[in-house]
Protein backbone atom coordinates (compact mmCIF):
# COMPACT_ATOMS: atom_id res chain seq x y z
CA UNK A 1 -20.41 7.72 11.34
CA UNK A 2 -18.74 4.80 13.10
CA UNK A 3 -17.66 3.05 9.90
CA UNK A 4 -13.99 2.88 9.17
CA UNK A 5 -12.16 5.16 6.76
CA UNK A 6 -10.22 3.44 4.00
CA UNK A 7 -7.17 5.04 2.40
CA UNK A 8 -6.43 3.78 -1.11
CA UNK A 9 -4.92 4.82 -4.43
CA UNK A 10 -6.97 7.38 -6.33
CA UNK A 11 -8.64 6.01 -9.45
CA UNK A 12 -10.31 7.65 -12.44
CA UNK A 13 -13.74 6.88 -10.93
CA UNK A 14 -12.82 9.17 -8.01
CA UNK A 15 -12.32 12.31 -10.12
CA UNK A 16 -15.81 13.81 -9.80
CA UNK A 17 -15.80 13.86 -5.97
CA UNK A 18 -12.10 14.79 -5.87
CA UNK A 19 -12.72 17.74 -8.18
CA UNK A 20 -15.75 18.81 -6.13
CA UNK A 21 -13.55 18.87 -2.99
CA UNK A 22 -10.77 20.64 -4.92
CA UNK A 23 -13.16 23.32 -6.25
CA UNK A 24 -14.63 23.95 -2.79
CA UNK A 25 -11.18 24.15 -1.15
CA UNK A 26 -8.77 26.05 -3.37
CA UNK A 27 -8.90 29.54 -4.91
CA UNK A 28 -7.23 28.21 -8.08
CA UNK A 29 -8.37 24.58 -8.24
CA UNK A 30 -6.84 21.98 -10.49
CA UNK A 31 -9.13 20.83 -13.28
CA UNK A 32 -10.41 17.36 -14.02
CA UNK A 33 -7.97 17.28 -16.95
CA UNK A 34 -5.13 18.08 -14.52
CA UNK A 35 -6.03 15.08 -12.37
CA UNK A 36 -6.55 12.84 -15.39
CA UNK A 37 -3.02 13.73 -16.47
CA UNK A 38 -1.67 13.04 -13.01
CA UNK A 39 -3.27 9.59 -12.97
CA UNK A 40 -2.52 8.58 -16.57
CA UNK A 41 0.59 10.42 -17.80
CA UNK A 42 2.63 11.65 -14.86
CA UNK A 43 4.77 8.66 -13.92
CA UNK A 44 6.04 10.32 -10.72
CA UNK A 45 2.58 11.22 -9.37
CA UNK A 46 0.85 9.26 -6.63
CA UNK A 47 -2.55 10.15 -5.16
CA UNK A 48 -4.57 8.67 -2.31
CA UNK A 49 -8.20 9.11 -1.31
CA UNK A 50 -9.86 8.77 2.09
CA UNK A 51 -13.15 6.94 1.65
CA UNK A 52 -15.96 5.82 3.92
CA UNK A 53 -18.86 3.70 2.67
CA UNK A 54 -18.09 4.68 -0.93
CA UNK A 55 -17.92 8.42 -0.23
CA UNK A 56 -14.65 10.29 -0.92
CA UNK A 57 -13.95 12.45 2.13
CA UNK A 58 -10.54 13.78 1.17
CA UNK A 59 -7.40 13.17 -0.82
CA UNK A 60 -3.67 13.80 -0.93
CA UNK A 61 -1.05 13.53 -3.60
CA UNK A 62 2.61 13.96 -4.33
CA UNK A 63 5.35 13.59 -6.89
CA UNK A 64 8.26 11.26 -6.15
CA UNK A 65 11.58 11.56 -7.95
CA UNK A 66 14.35 9.31 -6.62
CA UNK A 67 14.58 10.09 -2.89
CA UNK A 68 12.69 13.39 -3.12
CA UNK A 69 8.95 13.91 -2.82
CA UNK A 70 6.81 17.01 -3.13
CA UNK A 71 3.26 17.03 -1.81
CA UNK A 72 1.03 18.72 -4.36
CA UNK A 73 -2.46 18.67 -2.84
CA UNK A 74 -4.18 17.75 0.40
CA UNK A 75 -7.86 18.50 0.89
CA UNK A 76 -10.79 17.28 2.96
CA UNK A 77 -14.45 17.93 2.17
CA UNK A 78 -15.76 20.72 4.38
CA UNK A 79 -18.27 18.65 6.38
CA UNK A 80 -15.48 16.26 7.41
CA UNK A 81 -12.79 18.74 8.42
CA UNK A 82 -11.44 18.78 11.99
CA UNK A 83 -12.19 15.05 12.35
CA UNK A 84 -8.65 13.75 11.81
CA UNK A 85 -9.17 12.77 8.17
CA UNK A 86 -6.55 15.21 6.89
CA UNK A 87 -4.04 13.80 9.35
CA UNK A 88 -4.95 10.22 8.44
CA UNK A 89 -4.59 10.73 4.67
CA UNK A 90 -1.38 12.75 5.10
CA UNK A 91 0.19 10.10 7.35
CA UNK A 92 -0.78 7.46 4.78
CA UNK A 93 0.76 9.56 2.03
CA UNK A 94 4.02 9.97 3.97
CA UNK A 95 4.13 6.18 4.49
CA UNK A 96 3.49 5.63 0.80
CA UNK A 97 6.22 8.10 -0.18
CA UNK A 98 8.64 6.38 2.18
CA UNK A 99 7.71 3.01 0.68
CA UNK A 100 8.57 4.47 -2.74
CA UNK A 101 12.02 5.51 -1.49
CA UNK A 102 11.48 9.15 -0.55
CA UNK A 103 13.85 10.33 2.16
CA UNK A 104 11.91 13.56 2.68
CA UNK A 105 8.78 15.42 1.62
CA UNK A 106 8.31 19.11 0.85
CA UNK A 107 5.18 21.22 0.47
CA UNK A 108 3.98 24.80 0.33
CA UNK A 109 1.28 26.12 2.62
CA UNK A 110 -0.39 29.52 2.81
CA UNK A 111 1.08 31.70 5.51
CA UNK A 112 -2.48 32.30 6.78
CA UNK A 113 -3.45 28.61 6.90
CA UNK A 114 -2.71 28.03 10.58
CA UNK A 115 -4.74 24.79 10.92
CA UNK A 116 -2.75 23.16 8.09
CA UNK A 117 0.52 24.45 9.56
CA UNK A 118 -0.38 22.92 12.93
CA UNK A 119 -1.11 19.57 11.28
CA UNK A 120 2.15 19.63 9.34
CA UNK A 121 4.13 20.52 12.48
CA UNK A 122 2.47 17.60 14.29
CA UNK A 123 3.63 15.32 11.44
CA UNK A 124 7.24 16.54 11.67
CA UNK A 125 7.35 19.24 9.00
CA UNK A 126 9.59 22.23 9.61
CA UNK A 127 9.69 25.63 7.92
CA UNK A 128 12.71 25.98 5.66
CA UNK A 129 11.77 28.95 3.52
CA UNK A 130 9.22 31.34 2.13
CA UNK A 131 7.96 31.80 -1.41
CA UNK A 132 7.05 35.48 -1.80
CA UNK A 133 3.67 36.21 -3.43
CA UNK A 134 3.28 32.52 -4.30
CA UNK A 135 -0.52 32.46 -4.41
CA UNK A 136 -1.96 34.18 -7.48
CA UNK A 137 -5.40 34.92 -6.04
CA UNK A 138 -4.18 37.35 -3.38
CA UNK A 139 -0.37 37.47 -3.58
CA UNK A 140 -0.01 35.72 -0.24
CA UNK A 141 3.33 34.17 0.66
CA UNK A 142 3.73 30.43 0.95
CA UNK A 143 5.81 28.79 3.62
CA UNK A 144 8.05 26.02 2.32
CA UNK A 145 8.02 23.08 4.71
CA UNK A 146 10.06 19.88 4.75
CA UNK A 147 9.64 16.61 6.62
CA UNK A 148 12.84 14.61 6.81
CA UNK A 149 11.55 12.22 9.49
CA UNK A 150 9.73 9.87 7.20
CA UNK A 151 8.23 6.65 8.55
CA UNK A 152 10.34 3.56 7.89
CA UNK A 153 9.41 1.84 4.62
CA UNK A 154 7.10 -1.14 4.91
CA UNK A 155 8.93 -4.37 4.17
CA UNK A 156 7.85 -6.06 0.96
CA UNK A 157 5.99 -3.01 -0.39
CA UNK A 158 5.21 -3.39 -4.08
CA UNK A 159 2.85 -1.81 -6.57
CA UNK A 160 2.22 -2.40 -10.30
CA UNK A 161 4.76 0.30 -11.22
CA UNK A 162 7.53 -1.35 -9.17
CA UNK A 163 10.64 -1.92 -11.29
CA UNK A 164 12.90 -4.79 -10.32
CA UNK A 165 16.51 -5.10 -11.32
CA UNK A 166 17.24 -8.68 -12.28
C-alpha cells in the first residue's frame, strides 16, 4: 500500500467503480445514467477520482457557475476510509474549483455525519445554515456549509473546456 495516489479527472471508464462506491455509500445513490449525464452533458460539472495502481478509491465532484461552486458528491470506498483519501480528493477538488474561478464552495452534509463535518471544518468550511428534512431516506436535516478560503488558483491552469477571449 505504499504506492502513490493519483487524483485525476473522472472519465467514462471510471463509472463502474464510481457507481459501486456510490451505491455502498449513499442511501439514495446517483445512477450510472446520472454520472454519464454529468460527464457528457452538464457543462458546469467537474469530477475527480482518487486512484492507486488502477483502482478507484474515491471521488469528488462539483458544479461551477461563474465564481460559485457547489460540491455534489464526495465518497471513498469503505476499505480505504480514514486513510486521508477523502481529504486528499477534497483538497484537490477545492484547488480545481479555484483554478476554474470559484471564490467559494458550498455543500450539504448530514447532521449525523460527524467524520465528514470534521474533515470539512479542517478544510475551512463553516456552517451557514440548515436544510430541514433534506434527506429523503430518514428526514434528517442537512447542514449547509461554505468554504470561502479557497486555495489560490494555479498559474497557467488550462483544460480543454477553457474559453479564451481574443
